[in-house]
Structure formats: structure tokens, C-alpha cells
Amino acid sequence: MKKIGPFIDLHLGYFIVMPAIIFIMIFSIIPIAESLQYSFFDFQLNSQQKSGLYFTEHYNMGLFNETIEYLEYYLDSEKTVQSSAEIIEKIENLESKLPILQEEMHSLIGTNESIVSLDVAKIDSIREKNLVIMTGLDDIYQFGESSQLQEDIYAVASELETALIPSNFIGLENFKTVVKDERARHSLVVTVIFTAVSVAFEFILGLVLAMIMNKAMRGQGLIRTFSLIPWAIPTSVAALIWAYLFNGSNGIVAVLLEKLGLIADSTDLLLTGSGALSAIIMADVWKTTPYMALLLLAGLQTIPFNLYEASAIDGASKWKQFVSVTLPLLKPSIMVALLFRTLDAFRVFDLIYVLTGGGPGGQTESISIYAYKTMFAQTRFGYGSALVLIMALVVGIISYFYIRFLDVKMTAE
């Protein structure tokens, strides 16, 4: 017991941060590693041949067995509608071969697992067995009259080829496709414009709001509370509110902008690319400016008041105090606020998804929404993962330039 106490004291820091490390591993590192893995494959859930990660050829024994069962069922049904004794004999001949071929396939594969890895040498043998079935079907329908079941039977038989799963490892092809993808480039431009404009307005308005809230005045706590209400509203709810306000027929904001001459017609606000993007930026600025103000307010409260008194004695004006005292000492808080807000704005999803859905015609589609549609609407998880990783890379570059440009010393002297 005497040894346990010093050991705990020595490693207490590790025990304290361990929950945070586990949390980061589960919700950050592992998903990023999975996305990186998916990005090297043509991984598509809507394709039986690409619904897994396959470095080598595989075979879907479950699909093969299912296909044989369906073929037996349809061939039995075909016999009941055929009047030619010759064709019925050919159907029975093919039916007799199916169990034999199925047994040979099980012997060739050597396992009852659904998806199994294949030696290249076995692929030719599998294709030969598939050819026996397709040749038998061609022989049945070559000279006889076509039936209503013919199309269904051939569709079922085509699954025999689908059961052969080629490797879907494509290396960096997904990333090359993203670079050439015009829609991805447009989504990136929309995201950059949204991020730059919204963060710029939020910083200016947030700084003004923070300086107002930092003043000693009556009702200061009430002012701070009410100013944070927009930020406290869930983004999806705020988007629905603004969708009503931007409504071209009765939305008060749309009508007001028309009255002011900023738009030609109130119905154009959400029906044009520039109008819809401006509306999204307006909604985001309204909602997130209080968050920016809160971060800057924390920095303002760390600036000693005696610095302002000393500068006032030296004859500095309010503007000179702001430029020479407030901004330099507020630099670390500005860096944190701009960095946090830029990263948050660059991955914007819910606001645009609820307000415009990326419309009209994809004109307000952010890179996050494009990745979401690619992964969950088209189930192209490989390509979607490449989009997400490129977005993460851009975010990392933005973070680097923020830190270099502001040149903030975060460590204590």
C-alpha cells in the first residue's frame, strides 16, 4: 500500500487526462482513421460488389446460393407455361445441372462463409460454371418463343457474375476525382465565401457588442443575458425562423429588403443564388455574433484598467487607447475567437440544410452538404470520405495561417 500512494501521485496527471484522451480517440482519431481508410476504396453501399473494402478478389457465396434457389424457382415456373416438349426437356436438363454446379462451387471455395477471399486461379473455374448456366438458358430460348419469365430469369442469372467481387482498392483516385469535380470546386467556393463574409461581420459586430457589454452600466447582467439568446437557440430552429422571415410572399425581412431597394422582388431572396447565400450569411451573423462577443468579452476583462488610466494621463484619445492598448492585448482572444468561428463556419451544415437545402440549383451547397449527399444519398462512402478529408486539410491550412498571421504567444513569459 505504501508504494501505491507515491505511484498515484507521480502519475496523477495521466489519470486525470485519460478520460479526455479516450474521448478524443473514440470520437476524433478513430473516425478520421476510418475515413482515411474508406477514401482509398471505391466503397459504395448500393453496389453488392463495392459494399466492402476489398484489397483482393472475393466471392459472394451467399448471393450465389440465393441465385441458384431463384433460378430453380423460375425454371419450375417456366415449365408450366411452355408447351414445347423439347424446351421443357432443356429446362429439366439445366435444372439437373444446378445442384451439381452448386456442390462443385462449395468444393471449390471450401467454406460456407458468405464473403470469401479468392485465389486468382479459381476465378476462371467460377466463370466456366457461370457459362454453363448462361449457355443452358440461351439454349432454352434460342429457338423457342419468348415468355414473360425470360427477362426475369436472365436478370436473376446475371447475379452470378455480380457474385464475383473484384478489388475496389483505387488508391488516390478519389482525391484526383475531387480535384477535377466541378461541383466540389463550386461547393468549396461557396463555403469559403460564406466563411469569409460571415466571420468578418461577426468579428466586427462581436467586438462592438463585447465592448458595450464590458462597460460598467446598470442592467449589465441583463444586457449580457439577452444578447446571448440568438446563440442559445438551436441552429435548426433558428434556420426555420429565418426561413419564415425570408419567405417571399409574407416574410417581413424579404419585404423590408424589397422596400429598401436591396432586392428587386421579395420572392427573389431565396430563389436566386446570390440572394439565398446573402440570406444564409445574414442568419448566421445574427445567430453567432453573440458567441464571438462572448469570447472577445473574456479577453477584454483580462486587460488591466490602470493601463487605460495611464494612457489617458498621457493624453491618448479613446481611439488611440483602442489601437494601442485594447487591440494588442486582445490579440490572443481575437486569435481564439477567429479560429474557433472560422473552423465552425467552414463546416457549416445544419443552417444551410434547413434554410435552403443547398438550393436553388446547388448555388448554396457547402462542402459539408455535398459530402453528406454523396455519402448518405448516393452511398458513395469512399468518395465522400475523400471530400471530408480534403475539407479537414483546408481547415488545417486555415488554422496554420491564422496562427502565423496573428503571431500570438500563447505561453507565459
Protein backbone atom coordinates (compact mmCIF):
# COMPACT_ATOMS: atom_id res chain seq x y z
CA MET A 1 0.00 0.00 0.00
CA LYS A 2 2.90 2.36 0.70
CA LYS A 3 4.04 2.02 -2.92
CA ILE A 4 0.62 2.78 -4.37
CA GLY A 5 0.42 6.32 -2.93
CA PRO A 6 3.67 7.61 -4.50
CA PHE A 7 2.79 5.89 -7.80
CA ILE A 8 -0.60 7.63 -7.94
CA ASP A 9 0.96 10.97 -7.02
CA LEU A 10 3.59 10.54 -9.74
CA HIS A 11 1.09 9.59 -12.45
CA LEU A 12 -1.93 11.55 -11.28
CA GLY A 13 -1.82 13.82 -14.32
CA TYR A 14 -2.14 10.83 -16.65
CA PHE A 15 -5.18 9.54 -14.75
CA ILE A 16 -6.83 12.97 -14.95
CA VAL A 17 -6.38 13.40 -18.71
CA MET A 18 -7.11 9.76 -19.56
CA PRO A 19 -10.91 10.28 -19.98
CA ALA A 20 -10.23 13.18 -22.37
CA ILE A 21 -7.73 11.06 -24.34
CA ILE A 22 -10.23 8.18 -24.59
CA PHE A 23 -12.95 10.61 -25.69
CA ILE A 24 -10.69 12.09 -28.39
CA MET A 25 -9.68 8.62 -29.57
CA ILE A 26 -13.27 7.38 -29.88
CA PHE A 27 -14.87 10.46 -31.40
CA SER A 28 -11.98 12.05 -33.34
CA ILE A 29 -8.97 9.84 -34.08
CA ILE A 30 -10.82 6.61 -34.92
CA PRO A 31 -13.41 8.29 -37.25
CA ILE A 32 -10.61 10.15 -39.05
CA ALA A 33 -8.66 6.90 -39.46
CA GLU A 34 -11.80 5.15 -40.78
CA SER A 35 -12.46 7.99 -43.24
CA LEU A 36 -8.85 7.81 -44.42
CA GLN A 37 -9.22 4.07 -44.98
CA TYR A 38 -12.51 4.46 -46.90
CA SER A 39 -11.03 7.16 -49.12
CA PHE A 40 -8.65 4.65 -50.73
CA PHE A 41 -11.53 2.43 -51.89
CA ASP A 42 -14.44 2.73 -54.31
CA PHE A 43 -16.76 1.96 -51.38
CA GLN A 44 -20.46 2.11 -52.32
CA LEU A 45 -23.22 0.61 -50.22
CA ASN A 46 -25.66 0.49 -53.14
CA SER A 47 -23.45 -1.94 -55.04
CA GLN A 48 -23.06 -5.57 -53.96
CA GLN A 49 -19.58 -5.65 -55.46
CA LYS A 50 -18.41 -2.49 -53.68
CA SER A 51 -20.16 -2.65 -50.32
CA GLY A 52 -16.98 -3.70 -48.54
CA LEU A 53 -13.26 -2.93 -48.54
CA TYR A 54 -11.56 -5.48 -50.79
CA PHE A 55 -7.82 -5.44 -51.49
CA THR A 56 -8.13 -8.70 -53.47
CA GLU A 57 -10.84 -10.60 -55.37
CA HIS A 58 -13.64 -12.09 -53.27
CA TYR A 59 -16.69 -14.23 -53.91
CA ASN A 60 -20.19 -13.78 -52.52
CA MET A 61 -21.28 -17.34 -51.73
CA GLY A 62 -24.49 -16.11 -50.12
CA LEU A 63 -25.52 -14.37 -53.34
CA PHE A 64 -24.57 -17.44 -55.39
CA ASN A 65 -26.73 -19.77 -53.27
CA GLU A 66 -29.62 -17.31 -53.40
CA THR A 67 -29.31 -17.02 -57.18
CA ILE A 68 -29.42 -20.81 -57.63
CA GLU A 69 -32.57 -21.00 -55.50
CA TYR A 70 -34.29 -18.30 -57.56
CA LEU A 71 -33.22 -19.94 -60.83
CA GLU A 72 -34.73 -23.26 -59.70
CA TYR A 73 -37.97 -21.48 -58.79
CA TYR A 74 -38.25 -19.57 -62.08
CA LEU A 75 -37.32 -22.60 -64.19
CA ASP A 76 -40.04 -24.62 -62.47
CA SER A 77 -42.48 -21.83 -63.27
CA GLU A 78 -41.23 -21.68 -66.86
CA LYS A 79 -42.06 -25.35 -67.41
CA THR A 80 -45.70 -24.70 -66.60
CA VAL A 81 -46.07 -22.07 -69.34
CA GLN A 82 -44.07 -23.78 -72.09
CA SER A 83 -45.92 -26.06 -74.49
CA SER A 84 -42.90 -27.41 -76.37
CA ALA A 85 -41.70 -30.79 -75.08
CA GLU A 86 -38.20 -30.03 -76.41
CA ILE A 87 -37.93 -26.80 -74.41
CA ILE A 88 -39.29 -28.48 -71.27
CA GLU A 89 -36.63 -31.17 -71.68
CA LYS A 90 -33.91 -28.49 -71.93
CA ILE A 91 -35.25 -26.79 -68.81
CA GLU A 92 -35.18 -30.09 -66.90
CA ASN A 93 -31.65 -30.72 -68.17
CA LEU A 94 -30.48 -27.34 -66.84
CA GLU A 95 -32.33 -27.91 -63.55
CA SER A 96 -30.46 -31.17 -63.06
CA LYS A 97 -27.12 -29.38 -63.51
CA LEU A 98 -27.80 -26.66 -60.92
CA PRO A 99 -27.36 -28.82 -57.75
CA ILE A 100 -24.20 -30.35 -59.24
CA LEU A 101 -22.76 -26.92 -60.05
CA GLN A 102 -23.68 -25.71 -56.58
CA GLU A 103 -21.89 -28.65 -54.97
CA GLU A 104 -18.83 -28.09 -57.16
CA MET A 105 -18.79 -24.42 -56.16
CA HIS A 106 -18.86 -25.29 -52.46
CA SER A 107 -15.95 -27.69 -53.01
CA LEU A 108 -14.03 -25.10 -54.99
CA ILE A 109 -14.50 -22.30 -52.44
CA GLY A 110 -14.04 -24.63 -49.47
CA THR A 111 -16.07 -22.66 -46.92
CA ASN A 112 -19.65 -21.76 -46.09
CA GLU A 113 -18.86 -18.12 -45.28
CA SER A 114 -20.88 -15.50 -47.17
CA ILE A 115 -17.94 -13.40 -48.46
CA VAL A 116 -14.68 -15.26 -49.06
CA SER A 117 -11.31 -14.29 -50.48
CA LEU A 118 -10.47 -15.81 -53.87
CA ASP A 119 -7.32 -17.10 -55.47
CA VAL A 120 -6.92 -15.71 -58.97
CA ALA A 121 -6.70 -19.29 -60.29
CA LYS A 122 -10.26 -20.05 -59.10
CA ILE A 123 -11.86 -17.16 -61.00
CA ASP A 124 -11.62 -18.95 -64.37
CA SER A 125 -13.25 -22.07 -62.88
CA ILE A 126 -16.09 -19.97 -61.46
CA ARG A 127 -16.66 -18.23 -64.79
CA GLU A 128 -16.75 -21.61 -66.55
CA LYS A 129 -19.56 -22.75 -64.24
CA ASN A 130 -21.43 -19.48 -64.80
CA LEU A 131 -21.03 -20.03 -68.54
CA VAL A 132 -22.64 -23.47 -68.26
CA ILE A 133 -25.77 -21.87 -66.76
CA MET A 134 -25.91 -18.99 -69.25
CA THR A 135 -25.36 -21.36 -72.18
CA GLY A 136 -28.19 -23.55 -70.89
CA LEU A 137 -30.52 -20.53 -70.75
CA ASP A 138 -29.51 -19.44 -74.25
CA ASP A 139 -30.20 -22.95 -75.48
CA ILE A 140 -33.71 -22.85 -73.95
CA TYR A 141 -34.69 -19.52 -75.50
CA GLN A 142 -32.67 -19.69 -78.72
CA PHE A 143 -35.42 -21.13 -80.91
CA GLY A 144 -38.43 -21.21 -78.63
CA GLU A 145 -40.94 -18.44 -78.14
CA SER A 146 -40.02 -15.90 -75.50
CA SER A 147 -42.09 -15.91 -72.32
CA GLN A 148 -42.90 -13.36 -69.67
CA LEU A 149 -40.42 -15.04 -67.33
CA GLN A 150 -37.48 -14.88 -69.73
CA GLU A 151 -36.41 -11.37 -68.75
CA ASP A 152 -36.68 -12.20 -65.02
CA ILE A 153 -34.67 -15.40 -65.43
CA TYR A 154 -31.83 -13.62 -67.24
CA ALA A 155 -31.87 -10.85 -64.63
CA VAL A 156 -31.51 -13.43 -61.86
CA ALA A 157 -28.76 -15.29 -63.73
CA SER A 158 -26.78 -12.05 -64.13
CA GLU A 159 -26.27 -12.08 -60.36
CA LEU A 160 -23.85 -14.99 -60.86
CA GLU A 161 -21.38 -12.52 -62.33
CA THR A 162 -22.19 -9.99 -59.59
CA ALA A 163 -21.17 -12.61 -57.02
CA LEU A 164 -17.60 -12.22 -58.32
CA ILE A 165 -16.24 -9.26 -56.35
CA PRO A 166 -13.18 -7.52 -57.83
CA SER A 167 -10.82 -5.48 -55.71
CA ASN A 168 -12.16 -1.97 -55.15
CA PHE A 169 -8.89 -0.54 -53.84
CA ILE A 170 -8.21 2.52 -56.00
CA GLY A 171 -5.51 4.36 -54.06
CA LEU A 172 -5.62 8.12 -54.59
CA GLU A 173 -8.21 8.08 -57.39
CA ASN A 174 -10.95 9.53 -55.15
CA PHE A 175 -8.75 12.53 -54.33
CA LYS A 176 -7.92 13.04 -58.02
CA THR A 177 -11.64 12.95 -58.82
CA VAL A 178 -12.36 15.56 -56.14
CA VAL A 179 -9.79 17.91 -57.69
CA LYS A 180 -11.46 17.52 -61.10
CA ASP A 181 -15.03 17.65 -59.73
CA GLU A 182 -16.61 20.96 -60.76
CA ARG A 183 -19.38 20.55 -58.18
CA ALA A 184 -16.82 20.04 -55.42
CA ARG A 185 -14.96 23.19 -56.51
CA HIS A 186 -18.18 25.18 -56.54
CA SER A 187 -19.10 23.89 -53.07
CA LEU A 188 -15.66 24.86 -51.80
CA VAL A 189 -16.01 28.38 -53.25
CA VAL A 190 -19.45 28.78 -51.64
CA THR A 191 -18.03 27.60 -48.31
CA VAL A 192 -15.07 29.99 -48.49
CA ILE A 193 -17.30 32.96 -49.38
CA PHE A 194 -19.73 32.12 -46.59
CA THR A 195 -16.91 31.68 -44.08
CA ALA A 196 -15.00 34.84 -45.00
CA VAL A 197 -18.01 37.18 -45.13
CA SER A 198 -19.86 35.81 -42.09
CA VAL A 199 -16.76 35.68 -39.85
CA ALA A 200 -15.75 39.21 -40.88
CA PHE A 201 -19.16 40.64 -39.97
CA GLU A 202 -19.35 38.58 -36.78
CA PHE A 203 -15.93 39.79 -35.66
CA ILE A 204 -16.72 43.47 -36.21
CA LEU A 205 -20.18 43.31 -34.65
CA GLY A 206 -18.98 40.95 -31.92
CA LEU A 207 -16.17 43.32 -30.95
CA VAL A 208 -18.60 46.25 -30.75
CA LEU A 209 -21.03 44.18 -28.68
CA ALA A 210 -18.24 42.95 -26.40
CA MET A 211 -17.03 46.49 -25.71
CA ILE A 212 -20.59 47.58 -24.90
CA MET A 213 -21.07 44.65 -22.52
CA ASN A 214 -17.71 45.40 -20.91
CA LYS A 215 -18.80 48.90 -19.88
CA ALA A 216 -19.90 49.39 -16.29
CA MET A 217 -23.61 50.21 -16.53
CA ARG A 218 -26.90 49.46 -14.88
CA GLY A 219 -28.52 46.23 -16.06
CA GLN A 220 -25.21 44.91 -17.37
CA GLY A 221 -26.10 41.31 -16.49
CA LEU A 222 -29.50 41.60 -18.19
CA ILE A 223 -27.90 43.01 -21.35
CA ARG A 224 -25.41 40.15 -21.48
CA THR A 225 -28.17 37.57 -20.96
CA PHE A 226 -30.43 38.90 -23.70
CA SER A 227 -27.56 39.33 -26.15
CA LEU A 228 -26.77 35.60 -25.89
CA ILE A 229 -30.31 34.44 -26.71
CA PRO A 230 -29.69 34.10 -30.51
CA TRP A 231 -26.66 31.93 -29.86
CA ALA A 232 -28.60 29.75 -27.38
CA ILE A 233 -31.30 28.93 -29.96
CA PRO A 234 -30.59 25.61 -31.75
CA THR A 235 -29.35 26.22 -35.28
CA SER A 236 -32.12 24.21 -36.94
CA VAL A 237 -34.76 26.19 -35.04
CA ALA A 238 -33.07 29.49 -35.95
CA ALA A 239 -32.97 28.40 -39.61
CA LEU A 240 -36.72 27.70 -39.56
CA ILE A 241 -37.37 31.13 -38.03
CA TRP A 242 -35.32 32.86 -40.71
CA ALA A 243 -36.92 30.75 -43.45
CA TYR A 244 -40.25 32.24 -42.39
CA LEU A 245 -38.77 35.76 -42.24
CA PHE A 246 -37.21 35.33 -45.70
CA ASN A 247 -40.39 33.92 -47.24
CA GLY A 248 -41.04 35.84 -50.45
CA SER A 249 -44.80 36.13 -50.01
CA ASN A 250 -45.14 37.22 -46.38
CA GLY A 251 -41.69 37.26 -44.79
CA ILE A 252 -41.11 40.61 -43.12
CA VAL A 253 -37.35 40.65 -43.81
CA ALA A 254 -37.83 39.87 -47.51
CA VAL A 255 -40.49 42.56 -47.85
CA LEU A 256 -38.32 45.09 -45.94
CA LEU A 257 -35.32 44.43 -48.19
CA GLU A 258 -37.55 45.00 -51.21
CA LYS A 259 -38.81 48.29 -49.75
CA LEU A 260 -35.22 49.42 -49.17
CA GLY A 261 -34.37 48.60 -52.78
CA LEU A 262 -31.75 46.00 -51.88
CA ILE A 263 -33.57 43.33 -53.88
CA ALA A 264 -35.83 43.74 -56.91
CA ASP A 265 -38.56 41.44 -55.64
CA SER A 266 -39.12 39.82 -52.24
CA THR A 267 -39.59 36.43 -53.90
CA ASP A 268 -36.04 36.61 -55.32
CA LEU A 269 -34.36 36.38 -51.92
CA LEU A 270 -34.31 32.59 -51.65
CA LEU A 271 -34.82 31.86 -55.36
CA THR A 272 -31.51 33.29 -56.62
CA GLY A 273 -28.02 32.08 -55.78
CA SER A 274 -26.67 35.41 -54.53
CA GLY A 275 -29.88 36.22 -52.63
CA ALA A 276 -30.01 32.83 -50.92
CA LEU A 277 -26.33 32.99 -49.94
CA SER A 278 -26.80 36.52 -48.56
CA ALA A 279 -29.81 35.32 -46.57
CA ILE A 280 -27.79 32.44 -45.11
CA ILE A 281 -24.95 34.80 -44.12
CA MET A 282 -27.45 37.21 -42.52
CA ALA A 283 -29.00 34.41 -40.45
CA ASP A 284 -25.57 33.12 -39.40
CA VAL A 285 -24.34 36.59 -38.39
CA TRP A 286 -27.47 37.11 -36.27
CA LYS A 287 -27.05 33.79 -34.52
CA THR A 288 -23.28 33.61 -34.00
CA THR A 289 -22.27 37.23 -33.29
CA PRO A 290 -23.09 36.77 -29.56
CA TYR A 291 -20.69 33.80 -29.43
CA MET A 292 -17.92 35.92 -30.92
CA ALA A 293 -18.77 38.71 -28.48
CA LEU A 294 -18.59 36.31 -25.55
CA LEU A 295 -15.09 35.15 -26.50
CA LEU A 296 -13.87 38.72 -27.00
CA LEU A 297 -15.52 39.89 -23.78
CA ALA A 298 -13.49 37.32 -21.85
CA GLY A 299 -10.34 38.85 -23.33
CA LEU A 300 -11.41 42.43 -22.62
CA GLN A 301 -11.92 41.62 -18.95
CA THR A 302 -8.31 40.48 -18.61
CA ILE A 303 -6.95 43.92 -19.65
CA PRO A 304 -5.99 45.92 -16.52
CA PHE A 305 -7.97 49.17 -16.20
CA ASN A 306 -4.92 51.09 -14.98
CA LEU A 307 -3.44 50.84 -18.48
CA TYR A 308 -6.33 52.95 -19.78
CA GLU A 309 -5.85 55.42 -16.92
CA ALA A 310 -2.14 55.72 -17.65
CA SER A 311 -2.73 56.25 -21.37
CA ALA A 312 -5.43 58.86 -20.63
CA ILE A 313 -2.96 60.77 -18.42
CA ASP A 314 -0.52 60.70 -21.34
CA GLY A 315 -3.20 62.36 -23.47
CA ALA A 316 -4.26 59.36 -25.53
CA SER A 317 -7.69 59.62 -27.14
CA LYS A 318 -10.27 56.81 -26.97
CA TRP A 319 -9.33 55.69 -30.46
CA LYS A 320 -5.62 55.74 -29.59
CA GLN A 321 -6.36 53.67 -26.48
CA PHE A 322 -8.29 51.19 -28.60
CA VAL A 323 -5.49 50.87 -31.17
CA SER A 324 -2.51 50.92 -28.78
CA VAL A 325 -3.91 49.17 -25.69
CA THR A 326 -7.06 47.18 -26.45
CA LEU A 327 -6.17 45.52 -29.76
CA PRO A 328 -2.60 44.41 -28.86
CA LEU A 329 -3.68 42.93 -25.52
CA LEU A 330 -6.79 41.41 -27.08
CA LYS A 331 -4.76 39.60 -29.73
CA PRO A 332 -4.84 36.14 -28.05
CA SER A 333 -8.61 36.34 -27.61
CA ILE A 334 -9.04 37.54 -31.20
CA MET A 335 -6.99 34.60 -32.44
CA VAL A 336 -9.07 32.12 -30.43
CA ALA A 337 -12.37 33.73 -31.48
CA LEU A 338 -11.48 33.92 -35.17
CA LEU A 339 -10.02 30.42 -35.21
CA PHE A 340 -12.97 28.79 -33.46
CA ARG A 341 -15.52 30.69 -35.51
CA THR A 342 -13.75 30.10 -38.84
CA LEU A 343 -13.48 26.37 -38.25
CA ASP A 344 -17.13 26.25 -37.21
CA ALA A 345 -18.27 28.30 -40.21
CA PHE A 346 -16.24 26.26 -42.69
CA ARG A 347 -18.04 23.06 -41.73
CA VAL A 348 -21.49 24.72 -41.81
CA PHE A 349 -24.22 22.19 -42.47
CA ASP A 350 -27.45 22.47 -40.45
CA LEU A 351 -28.15 26.16 -41.17
CA ILE A 352 -27.90 25.75 -44.95
CA TYR A 353 -29.54 22.33 -44.97
CA VAL A 354 -32.65 23.59 -43.18
CA LEU A 355 -32.81 27.04 -44.80
CA THR A 356 -32.15 26.25 -48.48
CA GLY A 357 -31.08 22.60 -48.70
CA GLY A 358 -28.19 23.77 -50.88
CA GLY A 359 -30.54 25.35 -53.42
CA PRO A 360 -31.51 26.93 -55.62
CA GLY A 361 -29.85 24.56 -58.07
CA GLY A 362 -26.93 23.84 -55.75
CA GLN A 363 -25.94 27.53 -55.61
CA THR A 364 -25.65 27.50 -51.79
CA GLU A 365 -24.33 23.96 -51.41
CA SER A 366 -21.45 23.91 -48.92
CA ILE A 367 -18.73 21.27 -48.99
CA SER A 368 -20.28 19.61 -45.92
CA ILE A 369 -23.69 19.29 -47.60
CA TYR A 370 -22.08 17.95 -50.79
CA ALA A 371 -20.19 15.35 -48.74
CA TYR A 372 -23.39 14.44 -46.89
CA LYS A 373 -25.34 13.97 -50.13
CA THR A 374 -22.51 11.93 -51.62
CA MET A 375 -22.23 9.63 -48.62
CA PHE A 376 -25.83 9.21 -47.50
CA ALA A 377 -27.95 9.94 -50.58
CA GLN A 378 -25.67 8.24 -53.11
CA THR A 379 -23.98 5.92 -50.52
CA ARG A 380 -20.57 6.65 -52.11
CA PHE A 381 -18.66 6.49 -48.85
CA GLY A 382 -15.23 6.27 -50.46
CA TYR A 383 -15.61 9.46 -52.46
CA GLY A 384 -17.45 11.19 -49.59
CA SER A 385 -14.59 10.35 -47.23
CA ALA A 386 -12.12 11.93 -49.66
CA LEU A 387 -14.25 15.10 -49.68
CA VAL A 388 -14.29 15.18 -45.87
CA LEU A 389 -10.52 14.70 -45.62
CA ILE A 390 -9.85 17.48 -48.13
CA MET A 391 -12.16 19.71 -46.10
CA ALA A 392 -10.17 18.81 -42.96
CA LEU A 393 -6.93 19.63 -44.80
CA VAL A 394 -8.27 23.06 -45.81
CA VAL A 395 -9.32 23.68 -42.20
CA GLY A 396 -5.81 22.77 -41.05
CA ILE A 397 -4.27 25.21 -43.55
CA ILE A 398 -6.62 27.97 -42.38
CA SER A 399 -5.63 27.30 -38.75
CA TYR A 400 -1.94 27.44 -39.63
CA PHE A 401 -2.22 30.79 -41.41
CA TYR A 402 -4.32 32.25 -38.59
CA ILE A 403 -1.65 31.39 -36.05
CA ARG A 404 1.18 32.63 -38.27
CA PHE A 405 -0.61 35.83 -39.29
CA LEU A 406 -1.64 36.86 -35.77
CA ASP A 407 1.74 35.72 -34.34
CA VAL A 408 0.27 35.15 -30.87
CA LYS A 409 2.50 34.00 -28.00
CA MET A 410 0.21 31.68 -26.02
CA THR A 411 2.78 30.69 -23.41
CA ALA A 412 3.51 32.80 -20.36
CA GLU A 413 6.78 34.67 -20.33
